[in-house]
Amino acid sequence: MTKYNLKLILLILILPLLANCAGTLNYNYVPTGYKTLDKASLLKNDGFNKVFIMEEGMETFNSWNTGNDYFVDGQYIGKLAYGIALPYKTKKNKISLVVANSFFCGKITTCPTGRQNIKYLGGRIIEIDFSQNKEHYLISYTDETNFSIGGSLIGMLAAQKRLKSTGEPFKFREVSKDIWWKMHDDLNGRGINKRWSPMQRYQESDLQQARDLQGVSP
C-alpha cells in the first residue's frame, strides 16, 4: 500500500470526527441518552420495572470509542457514550439487554449504527430478571485502551480480528443504586471539564434531536 493510499484511508476514517468537532453533527452517531437525569421523577413508583445504564468514563489514552448501541429483546433502545445515561422502563418481568459496538464492524469507513448495527462482534448480552428487584443499575465499561486497540490502521485491523474472536470491547457490571447515582454525578462533573467529552461536546438539544431522528424518544 502506497503512502498516498494510506493517508487517504486515514483521512476517510477521521472525516466524521472532524465534522463533529467542527460543529456539523451527524445525528445518526450522536448519543440518545441524557447528560443529567431527574432522579425524583424516575424513581417514582409507577408500576414499571426499570434499568439504568451508563457508560463509564474513559481514562487517559482510552478515547477511541465512538459510542455503543443498546438493544432490548432485539429492539434498539438507544446509543450511549462517556458519561451519558439511559433509563429504560418495561412491564416485562425478564429482558435480554445487548450492547453492540459500531466502531469495529469489518470495515475501514463509517459503520452501520443504531437500528442498522450489524453486531459484527456478536453483541454482549446480559439477562435481567425483575422478580426480586424492580430496579437494576448497570455500568457499561471496557478494559481496552488506545494502546490495545492500536495506534495505526494495521493495529486497528489486528484489534478487530482479535475482538471478532473474543467478543465486544464493552461489557456490563451491575452496581448498587447508591453507587450508580454517585457515579452519574461524578462522571457528569468530570465530563464537563474533559476535552472532547460528550458531556462537553453535546447540548441537551443535540441529544433530543438524536432521539427524535433515531426513533427512541419517550
Protein backbone atom coordinates (compact mmCIF):
# COMPACT_ATOMS: atom_id res chain seq x y z
CA MET A 1 0.00 0.00 0.00
CA THR A 2 1.45 3.37 -1.01
CA LYS A 3 1.85 6.21 1.46
CA TYR A 4 -0.72 8.19 -0.54
CA ASN A 5 -3.34 5.46 -0.26
CA LEU A 6 -2.70 5.04 3.44
CA LYS A 7 -3.13 8.77 4.03
CA LEU A 8 -6.35 8.71 2.01
CA ILE A 9 -7.75 5.85 4.09
CA LEU A 10 -6.83 7.59 7.35
CA LEU A 11 -8.48 10.78 6.11
CA ILE A 12 -11.68 8.87 5.36
CA LEU A 13 -11.58 7.35 8.83
CA ILE A 14 -11.33 10.67 10.67
CA LEU A 15 -13.64 12.75 8.48
CA PRO A 16 -16.73 12.02 10.63
CA LEU A 17 -14.83 13.05 13.76
CA LEU A 18 -13.53 16.20 12.12
CA ALA A 19 -17.01 17.11 11.01
CA ASN A 20 -18.38 16.68 14.51
CA CYS A 21 -15.58 18.70 16.04
CA ALA A 22 -16.21 21.44 13.53
CA GLY A 23 -19.82 21.71 14.68
CA THR A 24 -21.63 19.71 11.98
CA LEU A 25 -23.16 16.76 13.77
CA ASN A 26 -24.32 13.55 12.16
CA TYR A 27 -27.26 12.77 14.44
CA ASN A 28 -27.17 9.09 13.50
CA TYR A 29 -23.97 8.91 15.59
CA VAL A 30 -24.92 11.28 18.42
CA PRO A 31 -25.83 9.60 21.75
CA THR A 32 -29.53 9.41 22.58
CA GLY A 33 -29.22 9.28 26.36
CA TYR A 34 -29.22 12.11 28.89
CA LYS A 35 -26.49 14.19 30.47
CA THR A 36 -28.49 14.60 33.66
CA LEU A 37 -31.47 12.65 34.98
CA ASP A 38 -34.45 13.73 37.06
CA LYS A 39 -33.89 11.26 39.87
CA ALA A 40 -37.07 12.04 41.82
CA SER A 41 -39.26 11.59 38.77
CA LEU A 42 -37.55 8.41 37.56
CA LEU A 43 -37.73 6.69 40.95
CA LYS A 44 -41.44 7.22 41.42
CA ASN A 45 -43.44 4.04 41.91
CA ASP A 46 -45.23 4.00 38.55
CA GLY A 47 -45.65 0.24 38.12
CA PHE A 48 -42.76 -0.16 35.67
CA ASN A 49 -39.63 -2.27 36.01
CA LYS A 50 -36.56 -0.14 35.33
CA VAL A 51 -32.98 -0.45 34.10
CA PHE A 52 -30.50 2.40 34.39
CA ILE A 53 -27.50 2.19 32.03
CA MET A 54 -24.44 4.43 31.89
CA GLU A 55 -21.13 4.23 30.03
CA GLU A 56 -18.17 4.68 32.33
CA GLY A 57 -15.73 7.47 31.66
CA MET A 58 -12.65 6.76 29.58
CA GLU A 59 -9.23 7.05 31.12
CA THR A 60 -6.35 8.93 29.51
CA PHE A 61 -5.39 7.32 26.17
CA ASN A 62 -8.71 5.50 26.12
CA SER A 63 -10.76 7.69 23.80
CA TRP A 64 -11.14 5.59 20.64
CA ASN A 65 -14.73 4.54 21.27
CA THR A 66 -17.43 6.20 19.16
CA GLY A 67 -20.30 5.00 21.32
CA ASN A 68 -22.26 1.80 21.68
CA ASP A 69 -25.74 0.78 20.59
CA TYR A 70 -28.14 -0.90 23.03
CA PHE A 71 -30.95 -3.35 22.32
CA VAL A 72 -33.65 -4.92 24.50
CA ASP A 73 -35.14 -8.15 23.21
CA GLY A 74 -33.90 -7.28 19.73
CA GLN A 75 -35.31 -3.74 19.71
CA TYR A 76 -33.00 -0.73 19.52
CA ILE A 77 -33.35 1.48 22.63
CA GLY A 78 -30.53 4.00 22.13
CA LYS A 79 -26.88 4.92 21.85
CA LEU A 80 -24.58 5.92 24.69
CA ALA A 81 -21.11 7.42 25.12
CA TYR A 82 -18.88 8.52 28.02
CA GLY A 83 -20.99 9.70 30.97
CA ILE A 84 -24.30 9.65 29.07
CA ALA A 85 -27.11 7.79 30.88
CA LEU A 86 -30.12 5.86 29.64
CA PRO A 87 -33.15 4.96 31.77
CA TYR A 88 -35.34 2.19 30.36
CA LYS A 89 -38.78 1.16 31.61
CA THR A 90 -40.71 -2.02 30.87
CA LYS A 91 -43.66 -4.07 32.04
CA LYS A 92 -41.84 -7.32 31.26
CA ASN A 93 -40.54 -9.48 34.10
CA LYS A 94 -37.44 -10.56 32.17
CA ILE A 95 -35.47 -8.88 29.39
CA SER A 96 -32.32 -9.51 27.38
CA LEU A 97 -30.08 -6.44 27.11
CA VAL A 98 -27.38 -6.28 24.42
CA VAL A 99 -24.53 -3.82 23.87
CA ALA A 100 -23.01 -3.72 20.36
CA ASN A 101 -20.11 -1.52 19.30
CA SER A 102 -20.36 0.12 15.87
CA PHE A 103 -16.67 1.02 15.52
CA PHE A 104 -15.34 -2.47 14.74
CA CYS A 105 -17.62 -3.79 12.01
CA GLY A 106 -15.33 -5.30 9.39
CA LYS A 107 -14.98 -2.01 7.52
CA ILE A 108 -12.49 0.86 7.38
CA THR A 109 -15.10 3.55 6.79
CA THR A 110 -18.31 4.59 8.54
CA CYS A 111 -20.08 1.61 10.12
CA PRO A 112 -23.79 0.80 10.32
CA THR A 113 -25.13 2.25 13.55
CA GLY A 114 -28.29 2.39 15.64
CA ARG A 115 -31.04 0.11 14.33
CA GLN A 116 -28.75 -0.85 11.43
CA ASN A 117 -25.93 -2.06 13.69
CA ILE A 118 -24.82 -5.40 12.22
CA LYS A 119 -23.42 -6.66 15.57
CA TYR A 120 -20.21 -7.66 13.83
CA LEU A 121 -18.66 -8.76 17.12
CA GLY A 122 -21.78 -10.62 18.19
CA GLY A 123 -23.17 -8.29 20.84
CA ARG A 124 -22.61 -8.78 24.57
CA ILE A 125 -25.72 -9.95 26.42
CA ILE A 126 -26.94 -9.65 29.98
CA GLU A 127 -30.19 -11.29 31.12
CA ILE A 128 -32.19 -9.21 33.60
CA ASP A 129 -34.82 -10.70 35.93
CA PHE A 130 -37.10 -8.27 37.79
CA SER A 131 -38.75 -10.88 40.00
CA GLN A 132 -36.57 -10.00 43.01
CA ASN A 133 -35.64 -6.42 42.19
CA LYS A 134 -37.69 -3.89 40.22
CA GLU A 135 -34.66 -1.69 39.53
CA HIS A 136 -31.31 -2.68 38.02
CA TYR A 137 -28.30 -0.38 37.71
CA LEU A 138 -25.69 -1.16 35.07
CA ILE A 139 -22.34 0.29 34.07
CA SER A 140 -21.10 -0.38 30.55
CA TYR A 141 -17.30 -0.33 30.56
CA THR A 142 -14.21 -1.51 28.71
CA ASP A 143 -10.69 -2.58 29.59
CA GLU A 144 -9.48 -1.65 26.10
CA THR A 145 -7.24 1.36 25.58
CA ASN A 146 -5.75 3.22 22.64
CA PHE A 147 -2.68 1.02 23.09
CA SER A 148 -4.57 -2.28 22.99
CA ILE A 149 -6.67 -1.13 20.05
CA GLY A 150 -3.61 0.01 18.14
CA GLY A 151 -2.45 3.45 17.11
CA SER A 152 -2.48 2.76 13.37
CA LEU A 153 -4.60 1.24 10.63
CA ILE A 154 -2.68 -2.05 10.93
CA GLY A 155 -3.13 -2.00 14.72
CA MET A 156 -6.85 -1.33 14.38
CA LEU A 157 -7.32 -4.18 11.92
CA ALA A 158 -5.40 -6.51 14.24
CA ALA A 159 -7.58 -5.47 17.17
CA GLN A 160 -10.68 -6.00 15.07
CA LYS A 161 -9.57 -9.55 14.28
CA ARG A 162 -8.89 -10.22 17.98
CA LEU A 163 -12.24 -8.81 19.08
CA LYS A 164 -14.02 -10.90 16.47
CA SER A 165 -12.92 -13.96 18.43
CA THR A 166 -13.08 -12.57 21.99
CA GLY A 167 -16.26 -10.50 21.68
CA GLU A 168 -17.44 -6.95 22.28
CA PRO A 169 -14.94 -4.48 23.78
CA PHE A 170 -17.62 -3.24 26.21
CA LYS A 171 -19.27 -5.33 28.93
CA PHE A 172 -21.69 -4.86 31.81
CA ARG A 173 -21.32 -4.81 35.55
CA GLU A 174 -24.20 -4.32 37.96
CA VAL A 175 -23.81 -1.92 40.86
CA SER A 176 -25.98 -0.71 43.72
CA LYS A 177 -28.45 2.12 43.38
CA ASP A 178 -26.38 4.48 45.54
CA ILE A 179 -23.13 3.74 43.69
CA TRP A 180 -24.77 4.23 40.29
CA TRP A 181 -26.22 7.64 41.15
CA LYS A 182 -22.92 8.74 42.69
CA MET A 183 -21.08 7.67 39.53
CA HIS A 184 -23.65 9.54 37.46
CA ASP A 185 -22.98 12.74 39.41
CA ASP A 186 -19.20 12.23 39.38
CA LEU A 187 -18.96 11.44 35.65
CA ASN A 188 -21.20 14.37 34.87
CA GLY A 189 -18.95 16.71 36.83
CA ARG A 190 -15.71 15.36 35.33
CA GLY A 191 -17.08 15.20 31.82
CA ILE A 192 -17.99 18.87 31.70
CA ASN A 193 -14.31 19.75 32.09
CA LYS A 194 -12.90 16.94 29.93
CA ARG A 195 -11.85 17.98 26.44
CA TRP A 196 -13.82 16.30 23.64
CA SER A 197 -16.06 14.64 26.22
CA PRO A 198 -19.67 14.03 25.09
CA MET A 199 -20.69 15.94 28.21
CA GLN A 200 -18.89 18.98 26.86
CA ARG A 201 -19.44 18.36 23.16
CA TYR A 202 -23.21 17.86 23.05
CA GLN A 203 -26.01 20.09 24.23
CA GLU A 204 -29.24 18.58 25.59
CA SER A 205 -30.90 19.78 22.38
CA ASP A 206 -28.42 17.66 20.37
CA LEU A 207 -29.32 14.57 22.39
CA GLN A 208 -33.03 15.26 21.92
CA GLN A 209 -32.59 15.70 18.17
CA ALA A 210 -30.69 12.40 18.07
CA ARG A 211 -33.51 10.69 19.99
CA ASP A 212 -36.06 12.03 17.54
CA LEU A 213 -34.03 11.05 14.47
CA GLN A 214 -33.18 7.58 15.78
CA GLY A 215 -36.74 6.94 16.91
CA VAL A 216 -36.15 6.43 20.63
CA SER A 217 -37.84 9.49 22.12
CA PRO A 218 -40.06 8.66 25.14
